[in-house]
Structure formats: C-alpha cells, structure tokens
Full PDB file with SEQRES, HELIX, SHEET, SSBOND, CRYST1, ORIGX, SCALE, CONECT and MASTER records, all heavy atoms in Angstrom:
SEQRES   1 A   35  MET ALA GLY SER PHE ASP GLY SER PRO TYR GLY PRO ALA          
SEQRES   2 A   35  PRO ILE ALA GLU ASP GLU PRO ARG ALA GLU THR GLY LEU          
SEQRES   3 A   35  ALA ALA GLN ALA LEU VAL ASP LEU PHE                          
HELIX    1 AA1 ALA A    2  SER A    4  5                                   3    
HELIX    2 AA2 GLN A   29  VAL A   32  1                                   4    
CRYST1    1.000    1.000    1.000  90.00  90.00  90.00 P 1           1          
ORIGX1      1.000000  0.000000  0.000000        0.00000                         
ORIGX2      0.000000  1.000000  0.000000        0.00000                         
ORIGX3      0.000000  0.000000  1.000000        0.00000                         
SCALE1      1.000000  0.000000  0.000000        0.00000                         
SCALE2      0.000000  1.000000  0.000000        0.00000                         
SCALE3      0.000000  0.000000  1.000000        0.00000                         
ATOM      1  N   MET A   1     126.809 149.961  -8.222  1.00  0.00           N  
ATOM      2  CA  MET A   1     126.846 150.807  -9.411  1.00  0.00           C  
ATOM      3  C   MET A   1     128.293 151.037  -9.845  1.00  0.00           C  
ATOM      4  O   MET A   1     128.615 150.956 -11.038  1.00  0.00           O  
ATOM      5  CB  MET A   1     126.147 152.145  -9.152  1.00  0.00           C  
ATOM      6  CG  MET A   1     126.203 153.103 -10.334  1.00  0.00           C  
ATOM      7  SD  MET A   1     125.360 154.678 -10.026  1.00  0.00           S  
ATOM      8  CE  MET A   1     123.652 154.110 -10.090  1.00  0.00           C  
ATOM      9  N   ALA A   2     129.154 151.318  -8.898  1.00  0.00           N  
ATOM     10  CA  ALA A   2     130.560 151.550  -9.230  1.00  0.00           C  
ATOM     11  C   ALA A   2     131.160 150.329  -9.923  1.00  0.00           C  
ATOM     12  O   ALA A   2     131.980 150.454 -10.847  1.00  0.00           O  
ATOM     13  CB  ALA A   2     131.342 151.893  -7.972  1.00  0.00           C  
ATOM     14  N   GLY A   3     130.738 149.135  -9.513  1.00  0.00           N  
ATOM     15  CA  GLY A   3     131.252 147.916 -10.124  1.00  0.00           C  
ATOM     16  C   GLY A   3     130.816 147.735 -11.558  1.00  0.00           C  
ATOM     17  O   GLY A   3     131.441 146.959 -12.310  1.00  0.00           O  
ATOM     18  N   SER A   4     129.760 148.439 -11.969  1.00  0.00           N  
ATOM     19  CA  SER A   4     129.280 148.330 -13.349  1.00  0.00           C  
ATOM     20  C   SER A   4     130.083 149.197 -14.314  1.00  0.00           C  
ATOM     21  O   SER A   4     129.899 149.110 -15.526  1.00  0.00           O  
ATOM     22  CB  SER A   4     127.799 148.720 -13.421  1.00  0.00           C  
ATOM     23  OG  SER A   4     127.004 147.768 -12.723  1.00  0.00           O  
ATOM     24  N   PHE A   5     130.954 150.032 -13.795  1.00  0.00           N  
ATOM     25  CA  PHE A   5     131.896 150.777 -14.643  1.00  0.00           C  
ATOM     26  C   PHE A   5     133.057 149.828 -14.955  1.00  0.00           C  
ATOM     27  O   PHE A   5     134.158 149.956 -14.429  1.00  0.00           O  
ATOM     28  CB  PHE A   5     132.392 152.038 -13.932  1.00  0.00           C  
ATOM     29  CG  PHE A   5     131.399 153.162 -13.877  1.00  0.00           C  
ATOM     30  CD1 PHE A   5     130.324 153.127 -12.994  1.00  0.00           C  
ATOM     31  CD2 PHE A   5     131.547 154.264 -14.698  1.00  0.00           C  
ATOM     32  CE1 PHE A   5     129.410 154.166 -12.931  1.00  0.00           C  
ATOM     33  CE2 PHE A   5     130.635 155.312 -14.652  1.00  0.00           C  
ATOM     34  CZ  PHE A   5     129.563 155.262 -13.770  1.00  0.00           C  
ATOM     35  N   ASP A   6     132.779 148.869 -15.830  1.00  0.00           N  
ATOM     36  CA  ASP A   6     133.732 147.764 -16.022  1.00  0.00           C  
ATOM     37  C   ASP A   6     134.243 147.633 -17.450  1.00  0.00           C  
ATOM     38  O   ASP A   6     134.969 146.679 -17.776  1.00  0.00           O  
ATOM     39  CB  ASP A   6     133.084 146.444 -15.587  1.00  0.00           C  
ATOM     40  CG  ASP A   6     131.781 146.153 -16.341  1.00  0.00           C  
ATOM     41  OD1 ASP A   6     131.438 146.914 -17.273  1.00  0.00           O  
ATOM     42  OD2 ASP A   6     131.106 145.164 -15.989  1.00  0.00           O  
ATOM     43  N   GLY A   7     133.828 148.555 -18.310  1.00  0.00           N  
ATOM     44  CA  GLY A   7     134.305 148.488 -19.696  1.00  0.00           C  
ATOM     45  C   GLY A   7     133.661 147.394 -20.514  1.00  0.00           C  
ATOM     46  O   GLY A   7     134.123 147.097 -21.623  1.00  0.00           O  
ATOM     47  N   SER A   8     132.584 146.807 -20.030  1.00  0.00           N  
ATOM     48  CA  SER A   8     131.901 145.751 -20.774  1.00  0.00           C  
ATOM     49  C   SER A   8     131.191 146.346 -21.990  1.00  0.00           C  
ATOM     50  O   SER A   8     130.993 147.565 -22.073  1.00  0.00           O  
ATOM     51  CB  SER A   8     130.886 145.055 -19.857  1.00  0.00           C  
ATOM     52  OG  SER A   8     129.944 145.973 -19.351  1.00  0.00           O  
ATOM     53  N   PRO A   9     130.788 145.504 -22.957  1.00  0.00           N  
ATOM     54  CA  PRO A   9     130.097 146.010 -24.148  1.00  0.00           C  
ATOM     55  C   PRO A   9     128.873 146.847 -23.768  1.00  0.00           C  
ATOM     56  O   PRO A   9     128.068 146.427 -22.922  1.00  0.00           O  
ATOM     57  CB  PRO A   9     129.701 144.741 -24.897  1.00  0.00           C  
ATOM     58  CG  PRO A   9     130.731 143.739 -24.478  1.00  0.00           C  
ATOM     59  CD  PRO A   9     131.032 144.044 -23.039  1.00  0.00           C  
ATOM     60  N   TYR A  10     128.752 148.032 -24.360  1.00  0.00           N  
ATOM     61  CA  TYR A  10     127.644 148.975 -24.146  1.00  0.00           C  
ATOM     62  C   TYR A  10     127.650 149.586 -22.752  1.00  0.00           C  
ATOM     63  O   TYR A  10     126.726 150.315 -22.389  1.00  0.00           O  
ATOM     64  CB  TYR A  10     126.290 148.305 -24.408  1.00  0.00           C  
ATOM     65  CG  TYR A  10     126.201 147.645 -25.750  1.00  0.00           C  
ATOM     66  CD1 TYR A  10     126.187 146.255 -25.846  1.00  0.00           C  
ATOM     67  CD2 TYR A  10     126.163 148.397 -26.924  1.00  0.00           C  
ATOM     68  CE1 TYR A  10     126.130 145.637 -27.094  1.00  0.00           C  
ATOM     69  CE2 TYR A  10     126.099 147.787 -28.163  1.00  0.00           C  
ATOM     70  CZ  TYR A  10     126.095 146.403 -28.244  1.00  0.00           C  
ATOM     71  OH  TYR A  10     126.036 145.790 -29.475  1.00  0.00           O  
ATOM     72  N   GLY A  11     128.678 149.307 -21.956  1.00  0.00           N  
ATOM     73  CA  GLY A  11     128.758 149.863 -20.613  1.00  0.00           C  
ATOM     74  C   GLY A  11     129.809 150.969 -20.522  1.00  0.00           C  
ATOM     75  O   GLY A  11     130.551 151.218 -21.473  1.00  0.00           O  
ATOM     76  N   PRO A  12     129.886 151.642 -19.384  1.00  0.00           N  
ATOM     77  CA  PRO A  12     130.854 152.719 -19.225  1.00  0.00           C  
ATOM     78  C   PRO A  12     132.264 152.183 -18.988  1.00  0.00           C  
ATOM     79  O   PRO A  12     132.458 151.080 -18.460  1.00  0.00           O  
ATOM     80  CB  PRO A  12     130.341 153.464 -17.995  1.00  0.00           C  
ATOM     81  CG  PRO A  12     129.615 152.427 -17.198  1.00  0.00           C  
ATOM     82  CD  PRO A  12     129.017 151.478 -18.191  1.00  0.00           C  
ATOM     83  N   ALA A  13     133.247 152.981 -19.358  1.00  0.00           N  
ATOM     84  CA  ALA A  13     134.650 152.622 -19.161  1.00  0.00           C  
ATOM     85  C   ALA A  13     134.959 152.541 -17.671  1.00  0.00           C  
ATOM     86  O   ALA A  13     134.278 153.163 -16.841  1.00  0.00           O  
ATOM     87  CB  ALA A  13     135.547 153.653 -19.833  1.00  0.00           C  
ATOM     88  N   PRO A  14     135.984 151.757 -17.319  1.00  0.00           N  
ATOM     89  CA  PRO A  14     136.368 151.682 -15.903  1.00  0.00           C  
ATOM     90  C   PRO A  14     136.699 153.053 -15.335  1.00  0.00           C  
ATOM     91  O   PRO A  14     137.109 153.969 -16.056  1.00  0.00           O  
ATOM     92  CB  PRO A  14     137.601 150.771 -15.935  1.00  0.00           C  
ATOM     93  CG  PRO A  14     137.438 149.953 -17.175  1.00  0.00           C  
ATOM     94  CD  PRO A  14     136.793 150.866 -18.167  1.00  0.00           C  
ATOM     95  N   ILE A  15     136.518 153.200 -14.026  1.00  0.00           N  
ATOM     96  CA  ILE A  15     136.778 154.470 -13.351  1.00  0.00           C  
ATOM     97  C   ILE A  15     138.282 154.664 -13.209  1.00  0.00           C  
ATOM     98  O   ILE A  15     138.984 153.807 -12.652  1.00  0.00           O  
ATOM     99  CB  ILE A  15     136.097 154.496 -11.971  1.00  0.00           C  
ATOM    100  CG1 ILE A  15     134.587 154.285 -12.122  1.00  0.00           C  
ATOM    101  CG2 ILE A  15     136.389 155.809 -11.252  1.00  0.00           C  
ATOM    102  CD1 ILE A  15     133.853 154.100 -10.805  1.00  0.00           C  
ATOM    103  N   ALA A  16     138.755 155.784 -13.717  1.00  0.00           N  
ATOM    104  CA  ALA A  16     140.192 156.083 -13.630  1.00  0.00           C  
ATOM    105  C   ALA A  16     140.514 156.669 -12.259  1.00  0.00           C  
ATOM    106  O   ALA A  16     139.668 157.259 -11.586  1.00  0.00           O  
ATOM    107  CB  ALA A  16     140.582 157.071 -14.721  1.00  0.00           C  
ATOM    108  N   GLU A  17     141.755 156.483 -11.845  1.00  0.00           N  
ATOM    109  CA  GLU A  17     142.200 157.023 -10.568  1.00  0.00           C  
ATOM    110  C   GLU A  17     142.073 158.552 -10.585  1.00  0.00           C  
ATOM    111  O   GLU A  17     142.478 159.209 -11.539  1.00  0.00           O  
ATOM    112  CB  GLU A  17     143.642 156.616 -10.301  1.00  0.00           C  
ATOM    113  CG  GLU A  17     144.137 156.998  -8.918  1.00  0.00           C  
ATOM    114  CD  GLU A  17     145.526 156.471  -8.634  1.00  0.00           C  
ATOM    115  OE1 GLU A  17     146.055 155.718  -9.486  1.00  0.00           O  
ATOM    116  OE2 GLU A  17     146.074 156.814  -7.575  1.00  0.00           O  
ATOM    117  N   ASP A  18     141.474 159.104  -9.544  1.00  0.00           N  
ATOM    118  CA  ASP A  18     141.305 160.556  -9.397  1.00  0.00           C  
ATOM    119  C   ASP A  18     140.439 161.169 -10.504  1.00  0.00           C  
ATOM    120  O   ASP A  18     140.561 162.360 -10.804  1.00  0.00           O  
ATOM    121  CB  ASP A  18     142.666 161.266  -9.355  1.00  0.00           C  
ATOM    122  CG  ASP A  18     143.499 160.831  -8.157  1.00  0.00           C  
ATOM    123  OD1 ASP A  18     142.902 160.554  -7.106  1.00  0.00           O  
ATOM    124  OD2 ASP A  18     144.730 160.764  -8.289  1.00  0.00           O  
ATOM    125  N   GLU A  19     139.561 160.372 -11.113  1.00  0.00           N  
ATOM    126  CA  GLU A  19     138.666 160.930 -12.133  1.00  0.00           C  
ATOM    127  C   GLU A  19     137.702 161.923 -11.478  1.00  0.00           C  
ATOM    128  O   GLU A  19     137.156 161.652 -10.409  1.00  0.00           O  
ATOM    129  CB  GLU A  19     137.888 159.802 -12.806  1.00  0.00           C  
ATOM    130  CG  GLU A  19     137.092 160.255 -14.016  1.00  0.00           C  
ATOM    131  CD  GLU A  19     136.504 159.085 -14.798  1.00  0.00           C  
ATOM    132  OE1 GLU A  19     136.856 157.914 -14.489  1.00  0.00           O  
ATOM    133  OE2 GLU A  19     135.693 159.334 -15.702  1.00  0.00           O  
ATOM    134  N   PRO A  20     137.486 163.091 -12.086  1.00  0.00           N  
ATOM    135  CA  PRO A  20     136.664 164.125 -11.443  1.00  0.00           C  
ATOM    136  C   PRO A  20     135.196 163.718 -11.325  1.00  0.00           C  
ATOM    137  O   PRO A  20     134.660 163.006 -12.165  1.00  0.00           O  
ATOM    138  CB  PRO A  20     136.833 165.327 -12.367  1.00  0.00           C  
ATOM    139  CG  PRO A  20     137.208 164.745 -13.688  1.00  0.00           C  
ATOM    140  CD  PRO A  20     138.029 163.535 -13.376  1.00  0.00           C  
ATOM    141  N   ARG A  21     134.606 164.175 -10.245  1.00  0.00           N  
ATOM    142  CA  ARG A  21     133.172 163.989  -9.988  1.00  0.00           C  
ATOM    143  C   ARG A  21     132.473 165.338 -10.035  1.00  0.00           C  
ATOM    144  O   ARG A  21     133.075 166.378  -9.755  1.00  0.00           O  
ATOM    145  CB  ARG A  21     132.933 163.399  -8.599  1.00  0.00           C  
ATOM    146  CG  ARG A  21     132.931 161.886  -8.515  1.00  0.00           C  
ATOM    147  CD  ARG A  21     134.267 161.265  -8.686  1.00  0.00           C  
ATOM    148  NE  ARG A  21     134.269 159.863  -8.254  1.00  0.00           N  
ATOM    149  CZ  ARG A  21     135.225 159.017  -8.547  1.00  0.00           C  
ATOM    150  NH1 ARG A  21     136.260 159.398  -9.307  1.00  0.00           N  
ATOM    151  NH2 ARG A  21     135.167 157.772  -8.096  1.00  0.00           N  
ATOM    152  N   ALA A  22     131.190 165.311 -10.336  1.00  0.00           N  
ATOM    153  CA  ALA A  22     130.390 166.526 -10.264  1.00  0.00           C  
ATOM    154  C   ALA A  22     130.183 166.916  -8.803  1.00  0.00           C  
ATOM    155  O   ALA A  22     130.144 166.059  -7.913  1.00  0.00           O  
ATOM    156  CB  ALA A  22     129.041 166.301 -10.940  1.00  0.00           C  
ATOM    157  N   GLU A  23     130.057 168.209  -8.555  1.00  0.00           N  
ATOM    158  CA  GLU A  23     129.845 168.688  -7.195  1.00  0.00           C  
ATOM    159  C   GLU A  23     128.422 168.375  -6.748  1.00  0.00           C  
ATOM    160  O   GLU A  23     127.465 168.551  -7.512  1.00  0.00           O  
ATOM    161  CB  GLU A  23     130.086 170.187  -7.118  1.00  0.00           C  
ATOM    162  CG  GLU A  23     131.538 170.585  -7.326  1.00  0.00           C  
ATOM    163  CD  GLU A  23     131.743 172.063  -7.094  1.00  0.00           C  
ATOM    164  OE1 GLU A  23     131.968 172.452  -5.924  1.00  0.00           O  
ATOM    165  OE2 GLU A  23     131.657 172.825  -8.061  1.00  0.00           O  
ATOM    166  N   THR A  24     128.289 167.916  -5.528  1.00  0.00           N  
ATOM    167  CA  THR A  24     126.980 167.543  -4.990  1.00  0.00           C  
ATOM    168  C   THR A  24     126.474 168.621  -4.034  1.00  0.00           C  
ATOM    169  O   THR A  24     127.228 169.473  -3.571  1.00  0.00           O  
ATOM    170  CB  THR A  24     127.049 166.195  -4.270  1.00  0.00           C  
ATOM    171  OG1 THR A  24     127.955 166.297  -3.162  1.00  0.00           O  
ATOM    172  CG2 THR A  24     127.544 165.107  -5.218  1.00  0.00           C  
ATOM    173  N   GLY A  25     125.188 168.566  -3.739  1.00  0.00           N  
ATOM    174  CA  GLY A  25     124.608 169.510  -2.797  1.00  0.00           C  
ATOM    175  C   GLY A  25     123.278 170.040  -3.289  1.00  0.00           C  
ATOM    176  O   GLY A  25     122.790 169.694  -4.367  1.00  0.00           O  
ATOM    177  N   LEU A  26     122.677 170.921  -2.490  1.00  0.00           N  
ATOM    178  CA  LEU A  26     121.364 171.459  -2.810  1.00  0.00           C  
ATOM    179  C   LEU A  26     121.404 172.326  -4.055  1.00  0.00           C  
ATOM    180  O   LEU A  26     120.580 172.172  -4.966  1.00  0.00           O  
ATOM    181  CB  LEU A  26     120.841 172.273  -1.622  1.00  0.00           C  
ATOM    182  CG  LEU A  26     119.526 173.016  -1.829  1.00  0.00           C  
ATOM    183  CD1 LEU A  26     118.399 172.049  -2.188  1.00  0.00           C  
ATOM    184  CD2 LEU A  26     119.161 173.817  -0.589  1.00  0.00           C  
ATOM    185  N   ALA A  27     122.343 173.250  -4.119  1.00  0.00           N  
ATOM    186  CA  ALA A  27     122.455 174.169  -5.250  1.00  0.00           C  
ATOM    187  C   ALA A  27     123.774 174.909  -5.129  1.00  0.00           C  
ATOM    188  O   ALA A  27     124.422 174.891  -4.073  1.00  0.00           O  
ATOM    189  CB  ALA A  27     121.288 175.157  -5.265  1.00  0.00           C  
ATOM    190  N   ALA A  28     124.184 175.564  -6.203  1.00  0.00           N  
ATOM    191  CA  ALA A  28     125.387 176.389  -6.152  1.00  0.00           C  
ATOM    192  C   ALA A  28     125.211 177.468  -5.085  1.00  0.00           C  
ATOM    193  O   ALA A  28     124.116 177.987  -4.880  1.00  0.00           O  
ATOM    194  CB  ALA A  28     125.639 177.021  -7.516  1.00  0.00           C  
ATOM    195  N   GLN A  29     126.300 177.826  -4.407  1.00  0.00           N  
ATOM    196  CA  GLN A  29     126.210 178.769  -3.291  1.00  0.00           C  
ATOM    197  C   GLN A  29     125.638 180.113  -3.729  1.00  0.00           C  
ATOM    198  O   GLN A  29     124.869 180.746  -2.990  1.00  0.00           O  
ATOM    199  CB  GLN A  29     127.587 178.978  -2.660  1.00  0.00           C  
ATOM    200  CG  GLN A  29     127.549 179.778  -1.367  1.00  0.00           C  
ATOM    201  CD  GLN A  29     126.680 179.129  -0.305  1.00  0.00           C  
ATOM    202  OE1 GLN A  29     126.769 177.929  -0.066  1.00  0.00           O  
ATOM    203  NE2 GLN A  29     125.811 179.919   0.331  1.00  0.00           N  
ATOM    204  N   ALA A  30     125.968 180.544  -4.930  1.00  0.00           N  
ATOM    205  CA  ALA A  30     125.438 181.825  -5.406  1.00  0.00           C  
ATOM    206  C   ALA A  30     123.921 181.798  -5.498  1.00  0.00           C  
ATOM    207  O   ALA A  30     123.262 182.825  -5.283  1.00  0.00           O  
ATOM    208  CB  ALA A  30     126.039 182.164  -6.771  1.00  0.00           C  
ATOM    209  N   LEU A  31     123.357 180.639  -5.777  1.00  0.00           N  
ATOM    210  CA  LEU A  31     121.904 180.494  -5.835  1.00  0.00           C  
ATOM    211  C   LEU A  31     121.320 180.398  -4.429  1.00  0.00           C  
ATOM    212  O   LEU A  31     120.297 181.016  -4.124  1.00  0.00           O  
ATOM    213  CB  LEU A  31     121.539 179.271  -6.670  1.00  0.00           C  
ATOM    214  CG  LEU A  31     120.063 178.948  -6.882  1.00  0.00           C  
ATOM    215  CD1 LEU A  31     119.294 180.170  -7.357  1.00  0.00           C  
ATOM    216  CD2 LEU A  31     119.901 177.804  -7.868  1.00  0.00           C  
ATOM    217  N   VAL A  32     121.968 179.644  -3.570  1.00  0.00           N  
ATOM    218  CA  VAL A  32     121.502 179.525  -2.184  1.00  0.00           C  
ATOM    219  C   VAL A  32     121.451 180.899  -1.522  1.00  0.00           C  
ATOM    220  O   VAL A  32     120.537 181.205  -0.738  1.00  0.00           O  
ATOM    221  CB  VAL A  32     122.414 178.569  -1.396  1.00  0.00           C  
ATOM    222  CG1 VAL A  32     122.067 178.590   0.098  1.00  0.00           C  
ATOM    223  CG2 VAL A  32     122.306 177.150  -1.945  1.00  0.00           C  
ATOM    224  N   ASP A  33     122.412 181.754  -1.845  1.00  0.00           N  
ATOM    225  CA  ASP A  33     122.462 183.090  -1.246  1.00  0.00           C  
ATOM    226  C   ASP A  33     121.240 183.947  -1.608  1.00  0.00           C  
ATOM    227  O   ASP A  33     120.973 184.946  -0.940  1.00  0.00           O  
ATOM    228  CB  ASP A  33     123.734 183.820  -1.691  1.00  0.00           C  
ATOM    229  CG  ASP A  33     124.996 183.210  -1.089  1.00  0.00           C  
ATOM    230  OD1 ASP A  33     124.885 182.476  -0.089  1.00  0.00           O  
ATOM    231  OD2 ASP A  33     126.083 183.469  -1.632  1.00  0.00           O  
ATOM    232  N   LEU A  34     120.516 183.561  -2.649  1.00  0.00           N  
ATOM    233  CA  LEU A  34     119.338 184.317  -3.080  1.00  0.00           C  
ATOM    234  C   LEU A  34     118.059 183.876  -2.379  1.00  0.00           C  
ATOM    235  O   LEU A  34     117.021 184.527  -2.519  1.00  0.00           O  
ATOM    236  CB  LEU A  34     119.142 184.168  -4.594  1.00  0.00           C  
ATOM    237  CG  LEU A  34     120.260 184.688  -5.489  1.00  0.00           C  
ATOM    238  CD1 LEU A  34     119.951 184.366  -6.953  1.00  0.00           C  
ATOM    239  CD2 LEU A  34     120.461 186.182  -5.307  1.00  0.00           C  
ATOM    240  N   PHE A  35     118.112 182.773  -1.630  1.00  0.00           N  
ATOM    241  CA  PHE A  35     116.901 182.257  -0.990  1.00  0.00           C  
ATOM    242  C   PHE A  35     116.298 183.288  -0.043  1.00  0.00           C  
ATOM    243  O   PHE A  35     117.005 184.109   0.564  1.00  0.00           O  
ATOM    244  CB  PHE A  35     117.213 180.991  -0.176  1.00  0.00           C  
ATOM    245  CG  PHE A  35     117.525 179.770  -0.989  1.00  0.00           C  
ATOM    246  CD1 PHE A  35     117.937 178.596  -0.356  1.00  0.00           C  
ATOM    247  CD2 PHE A  35     117.438 179.765  -2.373  1.00  0.00           C  
ATOM    248  CE1 PHE A  35     118.230 177.457  -1.086  1.00  0.00           C  
ATOM    249  CE2 PHE A  35     117.736 178.636  -3.110  1.00  0.00           C  
ATOM    250  CZ  PHE A  35     118.135 177.477  -2.459  1.00  0.00           C  
TER     251      PHE A  35                                                      
MASTER        0    0    0    2    0    0    0    6  250    1    0    3          
END                                                                             
C-alpha cells in the first residue's frame, strides 16, 4: 500500500518525510476512561 503512494495519475502523492499520521488505537483515552 505504501508503494502505491507514487504520484501516479489519479493516485495519492508520494509520502513526504515525517508526514503526520493519524493516531491509532481503540479510542481516545478520554473515552476509554468512561468504560
């Protein structure tokens, strides 16, 4: 999948160095604290 970030027509732009990622996990900690 990472290799498909290649800037090809109709595809996503190449991955920039240190480009931010979304945070992963079950849920935000404030929500987990409510379980």
